[in-house]
Every structure is written in C-alpha cells, then in structure tokens.
N, C-alpha and C. Protein backbone atom coordinates (compact mmCIF):
# COMPACT_ATOMS: atom_id res chain seq x y z
N MET A 1 117.56 101.61 57.89
CA MET A 1 117.97 101.83 59.22
C MET A 1 116.99 102.69 59.91
N GLU A 2 116.61 102.39 61.16
CA GLU A 2 115.61 103.13 61.89
C GLU A 2 116.22 104.30 62.66
N ASN A 3 115.59 105.43 62.56
CA ASN A 3 116.04 106.62 63.32
C ASN A 3 115.31 106.66 64.59
N ASN A 4 115.94 106.51 65.74
CA ASN A 4 115.31 106.45 67.00
C ASN A 4 115.14 107.86 67.62
N GLU A 5 115.67 108.88 66.97
CA GLU A 5 115.56 110.23 67.49
C GLU A 5 114.19 110.76 67.03
N SER A 6 113.40 111.19 67.99
CA SER A 6 112.07 111.80 67.61
C SER A 6 112.28 113.26 67.40
N LYS A 7 111.65 113.81 66.39
CA LYS A 7 111.74 115.23 66.07
C LYS A 7 110.92 116.01 67.11
N GLU A 8 111.52 117.07 67.63
CA GLU A 8 110.82 117.90 68.61
C GLU A 8 109.88 118.89 67.88
N SER A 9 108.71 119.07 68.47
CA SER A 9 107.74 120.00 67.96
C SER A 9 107.99 121.39 68.59
N THR A 10 107.50 122.39 67.92
CA THR A 10 107.48 123.74 68.43
C THR A 10 105.99 124.09 68.64
N SER A 11 105.64 124.59 69.80
CA SER A 11 104.23 124.78 70.12
C SER A 11 103.91 126.20 70.44
N ASN A 12 102.66 126.48 70.20
CA ASN A 12 101.99 127.69 70.79
C ASN A 12 101.04 127.11 71.81
N PHE A 13 101.34 127.37 73.10
CA PHE A 13 100.51 126.98 74.17
C PHE A 13 99.54 128.13 74.42
N PHE A 14 98.25 127.81 74.44
CA PHE A 14 97.22 128.86 74.64
C PHE A 14 96.45 128.59 75.91
N ASP A 15 96.25 129.67 76.66
CA ASP A 15 95.22 129.65 77.70
C ASP A 15 93.87 129.79 76.89
N ARG A 16 92.76 129.50 77.55
CA ARG A 16 91.47 129.57 76.83
C ARG A 16 90.76 130.86 77.12
N ASP A 17 90.14 130.95 78.27
CA ASP A 17 89.25 132.10 78.59
C ASP A 17 90.05 133.39 78.72
N GLY A 18 89.67 134.35 77.91
CA GLY A 18 90.37 135.63 77.88
C GLY A 18 91.51 135.71 76.88
N THR A 19 91.81 134.61 76.30
CA THR A 19 92.91 134.53 75.31
C THR A 19 92.35 134.19 73.91
N ILE A 20 91.64 133.11 73.77
CA ILE A 20 91.04 132.78 72.47
C ILE A 20 89.52 133.10 72.46
N ASN A 21 88.90 133.11 73.64
CA ASN A 21 87.49 133.46 73.73
C ASN A 21 87.28 134.50 74.78
N ILE A 22 86.18 135.26 74.64
CA ILE A 22 85.84 136.26 75.66
C ILE A 22 85.53 135.58 76.97
N ASP A 23 86.11 136.12 78.06
CA ASP A 23 85.96 135.51 79.40
C ASP A 23 84.66 135.99 80.01
N HIS A 24 83.61 135.17 79.92
CA HIS A 24 82.31 135.52 80.52
C HIS A 24 82.20 134.88 81.92
N GLY A 25 83.28 134.51 82.56
CA GLY A 25 83.17 133.79 83.81
C GLY A 25 83.24 132.31 83.52
N TYR A 26 82.52 131.55 84.30
CA TYR A 26 82.60 130.12 84.16
C TYR A 26 81.71 129.66 82.98
N ILE A 27 82.37 129.39 81.86
CA ILE A 27 81.68 129.00 80.65
C ILE A 27 81.52 127.53 80.52
N SER A 28 80.29 127.12 80.36
CA SER A 28 80.01 125.65 80.27
C SER A 28 79.16 125.27 79.10
N ASP A 29 78.82 126.28 78.30
CA ASP A 29 77.85 126.03 77.20
C ASP A 29 78.33 126.82 75.96
N SER A 30 78.15 126.21 74.81
CA SER A 30 78.61 126.85 73.57
C SER A 30 77.87 128.17 73.30
N LYS A 31 76.70 128.37 73.88
CA LYS A 31 75.94 129.59 73.67
C LYS A 31 76.68 130.78 74.33
N ASN A 32 77.48 130.53 75.27
CA ASN A 32 78.21 131.59 75.98
C ASN A 32 79.65 131.68 75.53
N PHE A 33 80.05 130.90 74.50
CA PHE A 33 81.41 130.85 74.03
C PHE A 33 81.57 131.70 72.83
N GLU A 34 82.32 132.80 72.93
CA GLU A 34 82.55 133.70 71.81
C GLU A 34 84.06 133.84 71.51
N PHE A 35 84.49 133.47 70.34
CA PHE A 35 85.88 133.70 70.01
C PHE A 35 86.19 135.16 69.95
N ILE A 36 87.36 135.53 70.39
CA ILE A 36 87.81 136.93 70.31
C ILE A 36 88.17 137.24 68.84
N ASP A 37 87.76 138.42 68.41
CA ASP A 37 88.05 138.85 67.03
C ASP A 37 89.52 138.61 66.69
N GLY A 38 89.76 137.96 65.57
CA GLY A 38 91.11 137.70 65.09
C GLY A 38 91.79 136.46 65.60
N ALA A 39 91.17 135.83 66.62
CA ALA A 39 91.79 134.61 67.20
C ALA A 39 91.84 133.46 66.24
N ILE A 40 90.72 133.21 65.52
CA ILE A 40 90.66 132.07 64.61
C ILE A 40 91.70 132.27 63.46
N GLU A 41 91.71 133.45 62.93
CA GLU A 41 92.66 133.72 61.79
C GLU A 41 94.11 133.57 62.26
N ALA A 42 94.39 134.03 63.46
CA ALA A 42 95.76 133.93 64.02
C ALA A 42 96.15 132.50 64.22
N MET A 43 95.24 131.69 64.79
CA MET A 43 95.54 130.29 65.03
C MET A 43 95.80 129.54 63.71
N ARG A 44 94.99 129.82 62.70
CA ARG A 44 95.16 129.18 61.42
C ARG A 44 96.50 129.57 60.82
N GLU A 45 96.86 130.83 60.91
CA GLU A 45 98.19 131.25 60.41
C GLU A 45 99.36 130.59 61.17
N LEU A 46 99.18 130.44 62.43
CA LEU A 46 100.25 129.83 63.24
C LEU A 46 100.48 128.37 62.81
N ILE A 47 99.39 127.69 62.45
CA ILE A 47 99.50 126.31 61.95
C ILE A 47 100.27 126.31 60.64
N THR A 48 100.01 127.24 59.73
CA THR A 48 100.70 127.28 58.46
C THR A 48 102.17 127.63 58.66
N MET A 49 102.48 128.24 59.79
CA MET A 49 103.87 128.52 60.10
C MET A 49 104.57 127.34 60.74
N GLY A 50 103.89 126.23 60.91
CA GLY A 50 104.51 125.03 61.42
C GLY A 50 104.35 124.73 62.91
N PHE A 51 103.63 125.52 63.61
CA PHE A 51 103.39 125.31 65.02
C PHE A 51 102.30 124.31 65.27
N ILE A 52 102.41 123.55 66.38
CA ILE A 52 101.29 122.82 66.88
C ILE A 52 100.62 123.71 67.96
N LEU A 53 99.31 123.53 68.10
CA LEU A 53 98.52 124.33 69.03
C LEU A 53 98.08 123.45 70.21
N VAL A 54 98.38 123.89 71.39
CA VAL A 54 98.03 123.11 72.59
C VAL A 54 97.31 124.04 73.55
N LEU A 55 96.13 123.63 73.99
CA LEU A 55 95.36 124.44 74.93
C LEU A 55 95.69 124.00 76.35
N ILE A 56 95.95 124.95 77.24
CA ILE A 56 96.32 124.71 78.61
C ILE A 56 95.41 125.58 79.48
N THR A 57 94.45 124.99 80.20
CA THR A 57 93.40 125.81 80.84
C THR A 57 93.04 125.36 82.26
N ASN A 58 93.04 126.26 83.17
CA ASN A 58 92.50 125.99 84.51
C ASN A 58 90.97 126.01 84.42
N GLN A 59 90.32 125.00 84.96
CA GLN A 59 88.86 124.94 84.90
C GLN A 59 88.36 124.61 86.31
N SER A 60 88.56 125.53 87.22
CA SER A 60 88.15 125.33 88.64
C SER A 60 86.66 125.28 88.80
N GLY A 61 85.91 125.75 87.78
CA GLY A 61 84.46 125.62 87.83
C GLY A 61 83.97 124.21 88.00
N ILE A 62 84.83 123.25 87.57
CA ILE A 62 84.47 121.82 87.80
C ILE A 62 84.56 121.49 89.27
N GLY A 63 85.71 121.82 89.87
CA GLY A 63 85.92 121.50 91.26
C GLY A 63 84.98 122.31 92.18
N ARG A 64 84.62 123.50 91.71
CA ARG A 64 83.71 124.34 92.53
C ARG A 64 82.25 123.90 92.36
N GLY A 65 81.97 122.94 91.48
CA GLY A 65 80.62 122.44 91.27
C GLY A 65 79.75 123.36 90.44
N ILE A 66 80.35 124.28 89.70
CA ILE A 66 79.60 125.19 88.86
C ILE A 66 79.13 124.53 87.59
N PHE A 67 80.01 123.64 87.02
CA PHE A 67 79.66 122.81 85.91
C PHE A 67 80.44 121.51 86.02
N SER A 68 79.98 120.53 85.31
CA SER A 68 80.59 119.17 85.41
C SER A 68 81.76 119.00 84.47
N GLU A 69 82.54 117.98 84.69
CA GLU A 69 83.63 117.65 83.79
C GLU A 69 83.07 117.23 82.45
N ASN A 70 81.92 116.59 82.45
CA ASN A 70 81.27 116.18 81.21
C ASN A 70 80.84 117.41 80.41
N GLN A 71 80.33 118.43 81.06
CA GLN A 71 79.96 119.65 80.39
C GLN A 71 81.19 120.33 79.76
N PHE A 72 82.31 120.34 80.51
CA PHE A 72 83.50 120.86 79.97
C PHE A 72 83.95 120.13 78.73
N ILE A 73 83.90 118.78 78.80
CA ILE A 73 84.35 117.94 77.66
C ILE A 73 83.42 118.18 76.49
N GLN A 74 82.13 118.27 76.70
CA GLN A 74 81.17 118.57 75.57
C GLN A 74 81.48 119.92 74.93
N LEU A 75 81.74 120.96 75.75
CA LEU A 75 82.11 122.24 75.22
C LEU A 75 83.39 122.19 74.46
N THR A 76 84.40 121.44 74.93
CA THR A 76 85.68 121.32 74.28
C THR A 76 85.48 120.59 72.94
N HIS A 77 84.67 119.56 72.87
CA HIS A 77 84.37 118.88 71.60
C HIS A 77 83.70 119.86 70.61
N TRP A 78 82.74 120.66 71.09
CA TRP A 78 82.09 121.65 70.24
C TRP A 78 83.16 122.65 69.68
N MET A 79 84.00 123.21 70.61
CA MET A 79 85.02 124.17 70.26
C MET A 79 86.01 123.58 69.19
N SER A 80 86.44 122.35 69.47
CA SER A 80 87.42 121.67 68.54
C SER A 80 86.77 121.44 67.16
N SER A 81 85.49 121.06 67.14
CA SER A 81 84.76 120.82 65.90
C SER A 81 84.62 122.15 65.16
N PHE A 82 84.30 123.22 65.85
CA PHE A 82 84.16 124.54 65.23
C PHE A 82 85.48 124.97 64.64
N LEU A 83 86.59 124.75 65.35
CA LEU A 83 87.92 125.15 64.84
C LEU A 83 88.30 124.30 63.64
N ARG A 84 87.97 123.02 63.66
CA ARG A 84 88.31 122.17 62.50
C ARG A 84 87.62 122.65 61.26
N LYS A 85 86.38 123.18 61.39
CA LYS A 85 85.70 123.72 60.22
C LYS A 85 86.47 124.93 59.64
N HIS A 86 87.31 125.53 60.46
CA HIS A 86 88.11 126.68 60.01
C HIS A 86 89.55 126.22 59.76
N HIS A 87 89.76 124.90 59.59
CA HIS A 87 91.07 124.33 59.33
C HIS A 87 92.09 124.53 60.40
N ILE A 88 91.61 124.47 61.62
CA ILE A 88 92.46 124.59 62.81
C ILE A 88 92.35 123.33 63.63
N HIS A 89 93.53 122.66 63.85
CA HIS A 89 93.56 121.45 64.64
C HIS A 89 94.27 121.69 65.90
N LEU A 90 93.61 121.50 67.04
CA LEU A 90 94.25 121.54 68.36
C LEU A 90 94.93 120.20 68.57
N THR A 91 96.26 120.23 68.73
CA THR A 91 96.95 118.96 68.90
C THR A 91 96.58 118.28 70.24
N ALA A 92 96.33 119.10 71.26
CA ALA A 92 95.95 118.57 72.60
C ALA A 92 95.25 119.68 73.40
N VAL A 93 94.44 119.20 74.32
CA VAL A 93 93.82 120.09 75.31
C VAL A 93 94.10 119.53 76.69
N TYR A 94 94.72 120.34 77.58
CA TYR A 94 94.99 119.94 78.92
C TYR A 94 94.17 120.91 79.83
N PHE A 95 93.53 120.31 80.84
CA PHE A 95 92.74 121.14 81.76
C PHE A 95 92.94 120.66 83.18
N CYS A 96 92.87 121.59 84.12
CA CYS A 96 92.97 121.32 85.54
C CYS A 96 91.64 121.61 86.19
N PRO A 97 90.97 120.61 86.77
CA PRO A 97 89.68 120.82 87.47
C PRO A 97 89.81 121.13 88.92
N HIS A 98 91.04 121.14 89.43
CA HIS A 98 91.28 121.25 90.90
C HIS A 98 91.23 122.71 91.38
N HIS A 99 91.00 122.81 92.67
CA HIS A 99 91.09 124.09 93.34
C HIS A 99 91.23 123.82 94.84
N PRO A 100 92.04 124.57 95.57
CA PRO A 100 92.20 124.33 97.00
C PRO A 100 90.88 124.46 97.79
N ASN A 101 89.92 125.23 97.21
CA ASN A 101 88.66 125.41 97.90
C ASN A 101 87.48 124.70 97.19
N ALA A 102 87.81 123.72 96.40
CA ALA A 102 86.78 122.98 95.67
C ALA A 102 85.68 122.46 96.58
N VAL A 103 84.46 122.41 96.08
CA VAL A 103 83.39 121.80 96.89
C VAL A 103 83.32 120.29 96.64
N ILE A 104 83.87 119.87 95.50
CA ILE A 104 83.97 118.42 95.25
C ILE A 104 85.23 117.90 95.88
N GLU A 105 85.08 117.06 96.89
CA GLU A 105 86.22 116.71 97.76
C GLU A 105 87.39 116.13 97.01
N LYS A 106 87.22 115.26 96.02
CA LYS A 106 88.34 114.65 95.33
C LYS A 106 89.11 115.69 94.49
N LEU A 107 88.48 116.83 94.22
CA LEU A 107 89.15 117.87 93.42
C LEU A 107 89.67 119.01 94.30
N ARG A 108 89.50 118.88 95.64
CA ARG A 108 90.00 119.87 96.55
C ARG A 108 91.43 119.55 96.91
N GLN A 109 92.31 120.20 96.18
CA GLN A 109 93.78 119.94 96.40
C GLN A 109 94.62 121.04 95.79
N SER A 110 95.82 121.12 96.31
CA SER A 110 96.85 121.96 95.68
C SER A 110 97.67 121.08 94.82
N CYS A 111 97.41 121.07 93.55
CA CYS A 111 97.98 120.11 92.60
C CYS A 111 99.20 120.75 91.85
N ASP A 112 99.81 119.92 91.05
CA ASP A 112 100.94 120.36 90.23
C ASP A 112 100.50 120.88 88.88
N CYS A 113 99.20 120.70 88.58
CA CYS A 113 98.73 121.05 87.22
C CYS A 113 98.08 122.47 87.15
N ARG A 114 97.54 122.96 88.24
CA ARG A 114 96.84 124.21 88.21
C ARG A 114 97.88 125.35 88.05
N LYS A 115 97.75 126.12 86.96
CA LYS A 115 98.63 127.26 86.78
C LYS A 115 98.47 128.21 88.00
N PRO A 116 99.52 128.70 88.53
CA PRO A 116 100.82 128.96 87.97
C PRO A 116 101.84 127.77 88.04
N LYS A 117 101.40 126.64 88.50
CA LYS A 117 102.30 125.45 88.46
C LYS A 117 102.38 124.98 87.03
N PRO A 118 103.49 124.36 86.65
CA PRO A 118 103.74 124.03 85.22
C PRO A 118 103.37 122.62 84.81
N GLY A 119 102.61 121.89 85.66
CA GLY A 119 102.32 120.45 85.42
C GLY A 119 101.71 120.15 84.08
N MET A 120 100.72 120.94 83.62
CA MET A 120 100.10 120.67 82.35
C MET A 120 101.08 120.89 81.19
N LEU A 121 101.91 121.90 81.33
CA LEU A 121 102.92 122.16 80.29
C LEU A 121 103.95 121.06 80.23
N PHE A 122 104.37 120.55 81.36
CA PHE A 122 105.33 119.43 81.35
C PHE A 122 104.70 118.17 80.82
N SER A 123 103.41 117.95 81.11
CA SER A 123 102.73 116.75 80.53
C SER A 123 102.71 116.85 78.99
N ALA A 124 102.38 117.98 78.48
CA ALA A 124 102.34 118.22 77.03
C ALA A 124 103.74 118.04 76.44
N GLN A 125 104.75 118.59 77.09
CA GLN A 125 106.10 118.45 76.59
C GLN A 125 106.53 117.00 76.48
N LYS A 126 106.23 116.23 77.48
CA LYS A 126 106.63 114.81 77.52
C LYS A 126 105.87 114.04 76.41
N ARG A 127 104.59 114.23 76.35
CA ARG A 127 103.76 113.44 75.45
C ARG A 127 103.97 113.80 73.96
N LEU A 128 104.17 115.10 73.70
CA LEU A 128 104.20 115.59 72.33
C LEU A 128 105.63 115.95 71.93
N HIS A 129 106.64 115.71 72.72
CA HIS A 129 108.07 115.95 72.39
C HIS A 129 108.24 117.40 71.93
N ILE A 130 107.93 118.33 72.80
CA ILE A 130 107.93 119.74 72.49
C ILE A 130 109.24 120.35 72.94
N ASN A 131 109.84 121.14 72.07
CA ASN A 131 110.99 121.98 72.43
C ASN A 131 110.46 123.21 73.12
N MET A 132 110.59 123.24 74.44
CA MET A 132 110.02 124.37 75.19
C MET A 132 110.71 125.71 74.91
N LEU A 133 112.00 125.67 74.70
CA LEU A 133 112.76 126.91 74.55
C LEU A 133 112.34 127.65 73.24
N ASN A 134 111.93 126.90 72.21
CA ASN A 134 111.46 127.45 70.96
C ASN A 134 109.98 127.69 70.89
N SER A 135 109.29 127.43 72.01
CA SER A 135 107.82 127.49 72.02
C SER A 135 107.34 128.80 72.71
N TYR A 136 106.02 129.02 72.60
CA TYR A 136 105.41 130.24 73.08
C TYR A 136 104.25 129.89 74.00
N MET A 137 104.08 130.69 75.02
CA MET A 137 102.88 130.59 75.91
C MET A 137 102.13 131.86 75.77
N ILE A 138 100.84 131.76 75.46
CA ILE A 138 99.99 132.93 75.26
C ILE A 138 98.86 132.86 76.28
N GLY A 139 98.77 133.89 77.09
CA GLY A 139 97.69 133.91 78.11
C GLY A 139 97.39 135.33 78.55
N ASP A 140 96.32 135.49 79.36
CA ASP A 140 95.89 136.78 79.78
C ASP A 140 96.02 137.02 81.30
N LYS A 141 96.71 136.10 81.97
CA LYS A 141 96.84 136.23 83.47
C LYS A 141 98.31 136.00 83.85
N VAL A 142 98.64 136.55 84.99
CA VAL A 142 99.98 136.41 85.54
C VAL A 142 100.32 134.92 85.75
N GLU A 143 99.29 134.14 86.13
CA GLU A 143 99.53 132.71 86.31
C GLU A 143 99.99 132.00 85.07
N ASP A 144 99.49 132.48 83.93
CA ASP A 144 99.94 131.88 82.63
C ASP A 144 101.43 132.10 82.43
N MET A 145 101.86 133.37 82.73
CA MET A 145 103.28 133.75 82.55
C MET A 145 104.15 133.01 83.53
N GLN A 146 103.65 132.85 84.79
CA GLN A 146 104.45 132.13 85.80
C GLN A 146 104.63 130.69 85.46
N ALA A 147 103.55 130.05 84.97
CA ALA A 147 103.63 128.63 84.58
C ALA A 147 104.62 128.48 83.42
N ALA A 148 104.53 129.39 82.45
CA ALA A 148 105.48 129.33 81.32
C ALA A 148 106.89 129.51 81.74
N LYS A 149 107.12 130.42 82.65
CA LYS A 149 108.52 130.64 83.14
C LYS A 149 109.02 129.38 83.82
N ALA A 150 108.19 128.76 84.70
CA ALA A 150 108.56 127.55 85.44
C ALA A 150 108.85 126.38 84.48
N ALA A 151 108.16 126.37 83.35
CA ALA A 151 108.30 125.27 82.39
C ALA A 151 109.46 125.52 81.41
N GLY A 152 110.05 126.66 81.49
CA GLY A 152 111.16 126.99 80.55
C GLY A 152 110.75 127.33 79.14
N ILE A 153 109.54 127.85 79.00
CA ILE A 153 109.07 128.22 77.67
C ILE A 153 109.84 129.49 77.24
N GLY A 154 110.28 129.46 75.99
CA GLY A 154 111.14 130.53 75.51
C GLY A 154 110.51 131.89 75.46
N THR A 155 109.28 131.99 74.96
CA THR A 155 108.62 133.29 74.85
C THR A 155 107.25 133.27 75.53
N LYS A 156 107.07 134.25 76.42
CA LYS A 156 105.85 134.36 77.18
C LYS A 156 105.10 135.63 76.67
N ILE A 157 103.88 135.41 76.22
CA ILE A 157 103.10 136.47 75.58
C ILE A 157 101.83 136.75 76.36
N LEU A 158 101.71 138.00 76.85
CA LEU A 158 100.58 138.39 77.66
C LEU A 158 99.57 139.12 76.81
N ILE A 159 98.33 138.67 76.83
CA ILE A 159 97.22 139.31 76.14
C ILE A 159 96.65 140.33 77.17
N GLN A 160 96.75 141.57 76.77
CA GLN A 160 96.33 142.62 77.68
C GLN A 160 94.82 142.75 77.83
N ASN A 161 94.37 142.83 79.06
CA ASN A 161 92.98 143.12 79.33
C ASN A 161 92.90 144.08 80.53
N GLN A 162 91.70 144.36 80.98
CA GLN A 162 91.55 145.36 82.07
C GLN A 162 92.29 144.94 83.35
N ASN A 163 92.32 143.63 83.65
CA ASN A 163 93.00 143.13 84.86
C ASN A 163 94.53 143.30 84.74
N ILE A 164 95.03 143.22 83.54
CA ILE A 164 96.44 143.21 83.34
C ILE A 164 97.04 144.63 83.26
N ILE A 165 96.25 145.61 82.89
CA ILE A 165 96.80 146.95 82.66
C ILE A 165 97.63 147.43 83.82
N ASN A 166 97.19 147.13 85.02
CA ASN A 166 97.92 147.60 86.22
C ASN A 166 98.73 146.50 86.87
N SER A 167 98.91 145.37 86.23
CA SER A 167 99.67 144.25 86.81
C SER A 167 101.11 144.29 86.43
N THR A 168 101.95 144.85 87.31
CA THR A 168 103.39 144.97 87.00
C THR A 168 104.05 143.59 87.08
N ASN A 169 103.51 142.67 87.88
CA ASN A 169 104.07 141.31 87.94
C ASN A 169 104.01 140.61 86.60
N ALA A 170 102.81 140.66 85.97
CA ALA A 170 102.61 140.02 84.70
C ALA A 170 103.53 140.63 83.63
N LYS A 171 103.61 141.97 83.66
CA LYS A 171 104.36 142.66 82.68
C LYS A 171 105.88 142.39 82.80
N LYS A 172 106.33 142.17 84.05
CA LYS A 172 107.78 141.85 84.28
C LYS A 172 108.11 140.49 83.72
N ILE A 173 107.16 139.55 83.83
CA ILE A 173 107.46 138.17 83.38
C ILE A 173 107.29 138.01 81.89
N ALA A 174 106.36 138.77 81.29
CA ALA A 174 106.05 138.59 79.87
C ALA A 174 107.17 139.11 79.00
N ASP A 175 107.41 138.45 77.90
CA ASP A 175 108.38 138.92 76.90
C ASP A 175 107.72 139.91 75.95
N TRP A 176 106.44 139.61 75.61
CA TRP A 176 105.71 140.47 74.74
C TRP A 176 104.34 140.73 75.33
N ILE A 177 103.75 141.90 75.12
CA ILE A 177 102.40 142.22 75.54
C ILE A 177 101.66 142.63 74.32
N LEU A 178 100.53 141.95 74.07
CA LEU A 178 99.70 142.24 72.89
C LEU A 178 98.28 142.55 73.28
N ASP A 179 97.55 143.26 72.46
CA ASP A 179 96.15 143.55 72.65
C ASP A 179 95.25 142.36 72.28
N GLY A 180 95.78 141.45 71.46
CA GLY A 180 95.01 140.31 71.05
C GLY A 180 95.86 139.38 70.18
N LEU A 181 95.29 138.21 69.89
CA LEU A 181 96.04 137.24 69.07
C LEU A 181 96.30 137.63 67.62
N LYS A 182 95.47 138.54 67.13
CA LYS A 182 95.56 138.88 65.67
C LYS A 182 96.93 139.32 65.25
N ASP A 183 97.69 139.91 66.15
CA ASP A 183 99.01 140.42 65.76
C ASP A 183 100.14 139.39 65.99
N LEU A 184 99.86 138.30 66.58
CA LEU A 184 100.93 137.33 66.98
C LEU A 184 101.62 136.71 65.80
N PRO A 185 100.98 136.21 64.77
CA PRO A 185 101.78 135.57 63.70
C PRO A 185 102.80 136.53 63.08
N LEU A 186 102.42 137.76 62.82
CA LEU A 186 103.35 138.74 62.20
C LEU A 186 104.49 139.04 63.18
N LEU A 187 104.19 139.17 64.47
CA LEU A 187 105.23 139.45 65.45
C LEU A 187 106.27 138.29 65.51
N ILE A 188 105.76 137.06 65.46
CA ILE A 188 106.70 135.89 65.43
C ILE A 188 107.56 135.90 64.19
N LYS A 189 106.94 136.18 63.05
CA LYS A 189 107.70 136.27 61.79
C LYS A 189 108.81 137.29 61.83
N GLN A 190 108.44 138.47 62.36
CA GLN A 190 109.38 139.59 62.43
C GLN A 190 110.52 139.26 63.40
N SER A 191 110.20 138.59 64.52
CA SER A 191 111.22 138.24 65.49
C SER A 191 112.20 137.19 64.94
N LYS A 192 111.70 136.29 64.10
CA LYS A 192 112.53 135.27 63.50
C LYS A 192 113.49 135.87 62.47
N LYS A 193 113.04 136.94 61.78
CA LYS A 193 113.90 137.61 60.83
C LYS A 193 115.08 138.31 61.48
N GLN A 194 114.83 138.74 62.74
CA GLN A 194 115.89 139.49 63.43
C GLN A 194 117.00 138.54 63.98
N LEU A 195 116.71 137.28 64.03
CA LEU A 195 117.72 136.32 64.56
C LEU A 195 118.84 136.07 63.62
C-alpha cells in the first residue's frame, strides 16, 4: 500500500554573508569568500542532528550591476563544492537578485522574495516540505529575522555583529542571539532536552 503522506523536513535556513562567511561587501569571487570560524563544523554537526540546510540570500549586487548572476552561480558552485569536501550538503540555495533601485531594469522591483519578505522561505517550504514551526532561521540582519517571523519559522537566531549590537528591533524579534554559528548545535541540543 502506498503512503501518500510526505514526511516533513526540519530545516536550518541560513543567510550567507555575515552568517556563514565574512561579509566583505558584494562578494563575487571565491578569493574574497572566507568562512567564519566554526561555521563549517557547526553546519556539519547540524546535518548529523538530522537537519537539512537551506541557504536564503539577498544578492542585490546582481540587480545593481556589481556582479552578474553567472558570477553568483559560479561562486555558489565553488562554495557548495568546498562544503561537500567537508561532508556538508546544502539541500537548496535560494537567492534574490532584485532591488527597488537596481540598475538592471528587469531586476528593478519590489518583489516578494527579497528579505524581509518571506518569498524565498515559502518557496523552500513548498518545494522541500519543510515544517516551519520546527525549523530555524539564522542570520545577521533584522531583515532575516523579519522574513523568518513572516514565514512562521519557529526559532529565529541572530548572529551578532557590529551593526546588530545597537539594533533593538533585531533583538526584539530574535529568539536567540549568538556570537557565531559554532555554538548553535549545542544550543539546539540543550533546548530540545528542556522540552
């Protein structure tokens, strides 16, 4: 007998720049891409804990004409390949190339996918059958937290940086505030023990 019910996944949704890699501005080349200390180990541990990893990233540099979509895709292939060498599989990568002030006309728009809008998260939920309430959003900007809240993600985790230290809006929305990804697996394990 066939079971038509699909099992829901539990995800860790990650922002990219400032969350898994150092934010050097508009990154379009692997030479400028540096993983933050502890990020690779944390991502690998999260996979062993049964999570799928989904990258959710605004990339307005494409719409602004700073780098091309092809350059972004090449960098993403390089990053994914590097992570696979460390036994980390990204289940999906979602990116938004749009911006209201984009120089590329077809990308000049107020879309539903650019964070703080939740469009990329909803696309991932639909395609990957993700249980949003049991999932986590990890990011370094208030827009990441706002998108997660709008998408109904259960736990919103803010990675603290210089911009966030004085951001009361981000701190109000976030459930947890961390200095980096390295502490995330242990924190999730501890929170599950308390349930």
